[in-house]
Amino acid sequence: MTGAAADPITVTISGRNGLRIVADEWPGDGVPVVLAHGGGQTRHSWGGTAAVLAAHGHRVLSIDLRGHGDSQWDPDGNYQMSAYRDDALAVAAWVGEPVAWVGASLGGITGLHAVNEQPDQFSALILVDITPRPAPEGVTRILNFMAKDAVDGFATLEDAADAIAEYQPHRQRPTDLSGLSKNLRLGDDGRWRWHWDPAFLDFRTGGASSEHARDRHHGELEDFARHLTKPTLLVRGRLSDLVTDAEVGEFLVLVPHAEYVDVAGAAHMIAGDKNDVFTEAVVSFLDP
């Protein structure tokens, strides 16, 4: 059943060690859906997806991951995957019934960890342009973009829009920057900075010394994928340099029951590039 979605309310959930997780919640009686954004993004990164899911009767929760958006920055700088996993399990427990986890990039890896840890808390897993072993070149390009202006920030929102346009040449530069202002914060010095804790990057970089650890983690994620039994959907942006045809093929071998959608004209940030197509794929999967 579909209908107009009610306005969301903002809620606060206690994550690992009581860390504050902020979310927007749309009411509904259908299968609960949690939207978990990618690294460096916020709960506002999903376009109209949440409202459409709510209009289809789902209870929807769009969360800010720890260290992002309005959620608390970890005082100890703990942005290990175990912390994200435990936050996800706390969110699912707060909902009170199994949730369909929709995770983009970091949010997807978080979901893969959480589903492996406590599968009974989840009804389905949707991975948005992420697989257990993403293409290294794409990962490096994303991290370089995030690190470039993380400390100094931007003098104006226009400067931030220019940086994004350079990083995403396939997407038309927006003239309305009101949405962009939700993903940045204005500092006391008058400069705009990304709305996430710069310490987050410490767990995503580290050069050659951390290559073995990253490889070990990718192997662990592959094991998690092999043991997936929940309904699973992989959504890939066809222009993505993080999930190429090779990564898709490897994933479908690991998870042969998974469904797969390839979104033309979209890169890594699918929900922002082709929101209507992306949302339709999610709705079709959850409400066949």
Protein backbone atom coordinates (compact mmCIF):
# COMPACT_ATOMS: atom_id res chain seq x y z
CA MET A 1 0.00 0.00 0.00
CA THR A 2 1.29 3.45 -0.84
CA GLY A 3 0.38 6.91 0.35
CA ALA A 4 1.85 10.25 1.30
CA ALA A 5 4.74 9.94 3.74
CA ALA A 6 4.49 11.76 7.05
CA ASP A 7 7.24 14.16 8.01
CA PRO A 8 10.16 12.52 9.83
CA ILE A 9 11.05 13.08 13.43
CA THR A 10 14.63 13.28 14.67
CA VAL A 11 15.55 10.65 17.24
CA THR A 12 18.63 9.82 19.27
CA ILE A 13 19.86 6.25 19.82
CA SER A 14 22.54 5.07 22.22
CA GLY A 15 25.28 3.32 20.25
CA ARG A 16 28.41 1.55 21.43
CA ASN A 17 29.51 2.77 24.88
CA GLY A 18 26.58 5.19 24.89
CA LEU A 19 27.81 7.18 21.89
CA ARG A 20 24.96 9.31 20.54
CA ILE A 21 23.58 8.25 17.12
CA VAL A 22 21.15 10.69 15.49
CA ALA A 23 18.57 9.58 12.94
CA ASP A 24 15.49 10.79 11.07
CA GLU A 25 12.56 8.41 11.46
CA TRP A 26 9.53 8.08 9.20
CA PRO A 27 6.64 6.12 10.75
CA GLY A 28 5.20 3.03 9.11
CA ASP A 29 3.84 -0.44 9.80
CA GLY A 30 5.82 -2.27 7.12
CA VAL A 31 9.24 -3.88 7.28
CA PRO A 32 11.61 -1.42 8.99
CA VAL A 33 14.38 -0.06 6.76
CA VAL A 34 17.62 1.52 7.96
CA LEU A 35 19.54 3.78 5.58
CA ALA A 36 23.26 4.03 6.40
CA HIS A 37 25.29 6.50 4.32
CA GLY A 38 28.85 6.25 3.05
CA GLY A 39 32.02 7.62 4.63
CA GLY A 40 32.10 11.41 4.68
CA GLN A 41 28.35 11.72 4.08
CA THR A 42 25.36 12.25 6.38
CA ARG A 43 21.80 11.03 6.77
CA HIS A 44 20.73 13.67 4.26
CA SER A 45 22.55 11.91 1.40
CA TRP A 46 19.66 9.69 0.27
CA GLY A 47 17.62 12.20 -1.70
CA GLY A 48 13.94 11.22 -1.69
CA THR A 49 14.55 7.52 -0.99
CA ALA A 50 13.39 7.55 2.63
CA ALA A 51 10.16 9.40 1.87
CA VAL A 52 9.31 7.02 -0.97
CA LEU A 53 9.95 3.96 1.19
CA ALA A 54 7.78 5.49 3.91
CA ALA A 55 5.06 6.16 1.35
CA HIS A 56 5.13 2.43 0.61
CA GLY A 57 4.39 1.74 4.27
CA HIS A 58 7.87 1.09 5.59
CA ARG A 59 9.14 2.43 8.86
CA VAL A 60 12.35 4.17 7.80
CA LEU A 61 15.34 5.25 9.82
CA SER A 62 18.06 7.32 8.12
CA ILE A 63 21.05 7.47 10.45
CA ASP A 64 24.19 9.52 10.85
CA LEU A 65 27.04 7.08 11.41
CA ARG A 66 29.34 7.77 14.36
CA GLY A 67 31.59 10.75 13.72
CA HIS A 68 29.30 12.00 10.94
CA GLY A 69 26.56 14.60 10.74
CA ASP A 70 24.83 15.21 14.04
CA SER A 71 25.97 11.94 15.60
CA GLN A 72 28.62 12.17 18.27
CA TRP A 73 32.31 12.19 17.47
CA ASP A 74 34.01 9.40 19.36
CA PRO A 75 36.09 11.02 22.13
CA ASP A 76 38.75 8.33 21.67
CA GLY A 77 38.70 8.54 17.88
CA ASN A 78 37.40 4.96 17.64
CA TYR A 79 36.26 4.48 14.05
CA GLN A 80 37.10 0.83 13.73
CA MET A 81 34.58 -1.40 11.98
CA SER A 82 33.78 -3.17 15.24
CA ALA A 83 32.49 0.14 16.61
CA TYR A 84 30.33 0.77 13.52
CA ARG A 85 29.06 -2.82 13.77
CA ASP A 86 28.06 -2.40 17.39
CA ASP A 87 26.30 0.89 16.60
CA ALA A 88 24.34 -0.89 13.86
CA LEU A 89 23.31 -3.64 16.25
CA ALA A 90 22.22 -1.00 18.77
CA VAL A 91 20.11 0.69 16.08
CA ALA A 92 18.47 -2.60 15.09
CA ALA A 93 17.76 -3.40 18.75
CA TRP A 94 16.23 0.05 19.22
CA VAL A 95 13.89 -0.56 16.28
CA GLY A 96 12.77 -3.74 18.03
CA GLU A 97 12.27 -6.03 15.03
CA PRO A 98 14.42 -7.26 12.13
CA VAL A 99 15.44 -4.43 9.80
CA ALA A 100 16.35 -4.28 6.12
CA TRP A 101 19.76 -2.62 6.12
CA VAL A 102 20.52 -0.37 3.14
CA GLY A 103 24.16 0.65 3.29
CA ALA A 104 26.22 2.75 0.90
CA SER A 105 29.97 2.11 0.94
CA LEU A 106 30.97 2.41 4.64
CA GLY A 107 27.33 1.91 5.60
CA GLY A 108 27.24 -1.26 3.53
CA ILE A 109 30.38 -2.69 5.11
CA THR A 110 28.88 -1.84 8.49
CA GLY A 111 25.79 -3.82 7.57
CA LEU A 112 27.82 -6.79 6.38
CA HIS A 113 29.63 -6.88 9.73
CA ALA A 114 26.39 -6.55 11.69
CA VAL A 115 24.45 -9.16 9.74
CA ASN A 116 27.29 -11.62 10.24
CA GLU A 117 27.36 -10.91 13.99
CA GLN A 118 23.61 -11.11 14.69
CA PRO A 119 21.68 -12.23 11.59
CA ASP A 120 18.38 -12.52 13.46
CA GLN A 121 18.26 -8.73 13.79
CA PHE A 122 18.09 -8.28 10.01
CA SER A 123 15.57 -9.16 7.33
CA ALA A 124 17.63 -8.19 4.28
CA LEU A 125 20.87 -6.51 3.19
CA ILE A 126 21.22 -4.02 0.35
CA LEU A 127 24.78 -3.05 -0.53
CA VAL A 128 25.07 0.22 -2.44
CA ASP A 129 28.21 0.35 -4.60
CA ILE A 130 30.34 -1.67 -2.22
CA THR A 131 31.66 -5.23 -2.17
CA PRO A 132 34.01 -7.06 0.22
CA ARG A 133 37.07 -6.25 -1.90
CA PRO A 134 36.49 -2.96 -3.75
CA ALA A 135 38.83 -1.76 -6.49
CA PRO A 136 41.91 -0.19 -4.82
CA GLU A 137 42.11 2.68 -7.31
CA GLY A 138 38.58 3.77 -6.49
CA VAL A 139 39.21 3.57 -2.76
CA THR A 140 42.34 5.71 -3.10
CA ARG A 141 40.54 8.35 -5.15
CA ILE A 142 37.77 8.67 -2.56
CA LEU A 143 40.19 8.94 0.36
CA ASN A 144 42.28 11.53 -1.46
CA PHE A 145 39.17 13.62 -2.12
CA MET A 146 38.08 13.40 1.51
CA ALA A 147 41.51 14.30 2.86
CA LYS A 148 42.19 17.21 0.52
CA ASP A 149 40.12 19.86 2.34
CA ALA A 150 39.32 18.05 5.59
CA VAL A 151 41.32 20.41 7.80
CA ASP A 152 41.35 23.77 6.02
CA GLY A 153 37.80 23.58 4.67
CA PHE A 154 36.27 26.03 2.21
CA ALA A 155 35.75 29.77 2.27
CA THR A 156 32.30 29.44 0.69
CA LEU A 157 29.76 26.79 -0.29
CA GLU A 158 30.55 27.72 -3.90
CA ASP A 159 34.13 26.56 -3.35
CA ALA A 160 32.87 23.27 -1.91
CA ALA A 161 30.56 22.81 -4.90
CA ASP A 162 33.52 23.39 -7.24
CA ALA A 163 35.54 20.70 -5.44
CA ILE A 164 32.68 18.21 -5.71
CA ALA A 165 32.19 19.02 -9.40
CA GLU A 166 35.87 18.32 -10.04
CA TYR A 167 35.58 14.99 -8.22
CA GLN A 168 32.30 14.08 -9.96
CA PRO A 169 32.59 15.41 -13.52
CA HIS A 170 29.68 13.21 -14.67
CA ARG A 171 27.23 15.10 -12.45
CA GLN A 172 25.91 18.56 -13.28
CA ARG A 173 27.07 21.15 -10.76
CA PRO A 174 24.04 22.25 -8.69
CA THR A 175 22.92 25.87 -8.65
CA ASP A 176 20.95 25.40 -5.42
CA LEU A 177 23.46 24.73 -2.65
CA SER A 178 20.96 24.35 0.21
CA GLY A 179 21.34 20.56 0.15
CA LEU A 180 25.13 20.88 0.25
CA SER A 181 24.92 22.95 3.41
CA LYS A 182 23.57 19.86 5.24
CA ASN A 183 26.79 17.97 4.56
CA LEU A 184 29.08 20.75 5.79
CA ARG A 185 29.30 22.73 9.00
CA LEU A 186 30.21 26.40 9.40
CA GLY A 187 33.08 26.87 11.83
CA ASP A 188 33.70 29.74 14.19
CA ASP A 189 36.38 30.94 11.77
CA GLY A 190 33.79 31.34 9.00
CA ARG A 191 35.02 28.40 6.94
CA TRP A 192 32.92 25.43 5.82
CA ARG A 193 34.17 21.94 6.63
CA TRP A 194 32.81 18.49 5.91
CA HIS A 195 30.41 17.34 8.61
CA TRP A 196 32.54 14.49 9.91
CA ASP A 197 35.39 13.97 12.35
CA PRO A 198 38.80 14.23 10.58
CA ALA A 199 40.01 11.45 12.90
CA PHE A 200 37.79 9.12 10.86
CA LEU A 201 40.43 9.14 8.12
CA ASP A 202 43.06 7.74 10.48
CA PHE A 203 41.37 4.35 10.18
CA ARG A 204 41.10 4.58 6.39
CA THR A 205 44.69 5.54 5.57
CA GLY A 206 48.12 4.57 6.81
CA GLY A 207 50.08 3.66 3.69
CA ALA A 208 52.02 0.45 3.22
CA SER A 209 52.11 -0.33 6.94
CA SER A 210 48.36 -0.97 6.95
CA GLU A 211 48.10 -2.85 3.64
CA HIS A 212 48.27 -6.23 5.36
CA ALA A 213 45.55 -5.24 7.81
CA ARG A 214 43.32 -4.06 4.97
CA ASP A 215 43.88 -7.27 3.05
CA ARG A 216 43.03 -9.30 6.14
CA HIS A 217 39.84 -7.27 6.59
CA HIS A 218 38.82 -7.82 2.95
CA GLY A 219 39.32 -11.55 3.44
CA GLU A 220 37.13 -11.41 6.53
CA LEU A 221 34.43 -9.60 4.57
CA GLU A 222 34.56 -12.24 1.87
CA ASP A 223 33.93 -14.88 4.54
CA PHE A 224 30.99 -12.85 5.82
CA ALA A 225 29.59 -12.67 2.28
CA ARG A 226 29.95 -16.43 1.74
CA HIS A 227 27.83 -17.06 4.81
CA LEU A 228 25.05 -14.62 3.91
CA THR A 229 21.64 -16.26 3.90
CA LYS A 230 19.47 -13.15 4.12
CA PRO A 231 17.92 -11.74 0.92
CA THR A 232 20.70 -9.61 -0.58
CA LEU A 233 20.81 -6.94 -3.27
CA LEU A 234 23.89 -5.30 -4.79
CA VAL A 235 23.29 -1.96 -6.50
CA ARG A 236 26.22 -0.73 -8.59
CA GLY A 237 26.72 2.59 -10.34
CA ARG A 238 27.90 1.75 -13.83
CA LEU A 239 30.40 4.65 -13.78
CA SER A 240 31.82 3.57 -10.42
CA ASP A 241 35.57 3.07 -10.14
CA LEU A 242 35.06 1.34 -6.77
CA VAL A 243 32.82 -1.51 -7.96
CA THR A 244 33.71 -2.48 -11.50
CA ASP A 245 32.50 -5.51 -13.46
CA ALA A 246 35.28 -7.56 -11.85
CA GLU A 247 34.09 -6.79 -8.31
CA VAL A 248 30.48 -7.52 -9.27
CA GLY A 249 31.45 -10.91 -10.69
CA GLU A 250 33.43 -11.81 -7.58
CA PHE A 251 30.54 -10.82 -5.33
CA LEU A 252 27.97 -12.88 -7.22
CA VAL A 253 30.22 -15.92 -6.86
CA LEU A 254 30.43 -15.32 -3.11
CA VAL A 255 26.68 -14.69 -2.78
CA PRO A 256 24.99 -16.66 -5.58
CA HIS A 257 21.48 -15.91 -4.29
CA ALA A 258 22.06 -12.15 -4.44
CA GLU A 259 20.12 -9.94 -6.82
CA TYR A 260 21.98 -7.29 -8.78
CA VAL A 261 21.04 -3.92 -10.29
CA ASP A 262 23.36 -1.86 -12.50
CA VAL A 263 22.41 1.84 -12.59
CA ALA A 264 23.45 3.55 -15.82
CA GLY A 265 24.69 7.13 -15.53
CA ALA A 266 25.55 6.76 -11.84
CA ALA A 267 28.94 6.58 -10.17
CA HIS A 268 29.76 5.71 -6.57
CA MET A 269 27.15 8.02 -5.02
CA ILE A 270 24.20 6.36 -6.70
CA ALA A 271 21.43 7.87 -4.58
CA GLY A 272 22.64 11.34 -5.49
CA ASP A 273 23.29 10.61 -9.16
CA LYS A 274 20.13 8.69 -10.10
CA ASN A 275 17.84 8.82 -7.10
CA ASP A 276 14.64 7.76 -8.87
CA VAL A 277 16.25 4.69 -10.46
CA PHE A 278 18.01 3.76 -7.24
CA THR A 279 14.87 4.13 -5.14
CA GLU A 280 12.83 2.07 -7.58
CA ALA A 281 15.40 -0.74 -7.34
CA VAL A 282 15.21 -0.73 -3.54
CA VAL A 283 11.40 -0.64 -3.48
CA SER A 284 11.16 -3.45 -6.04
CA PHE A 285 13.50 -5.60 -3.98
CA LEU A 286 11.73 -4.99 -0.68
CA ASP A 287 8.20 -5.08 -2.10
CA PRO A 288 8.28 -7.56 -5.02
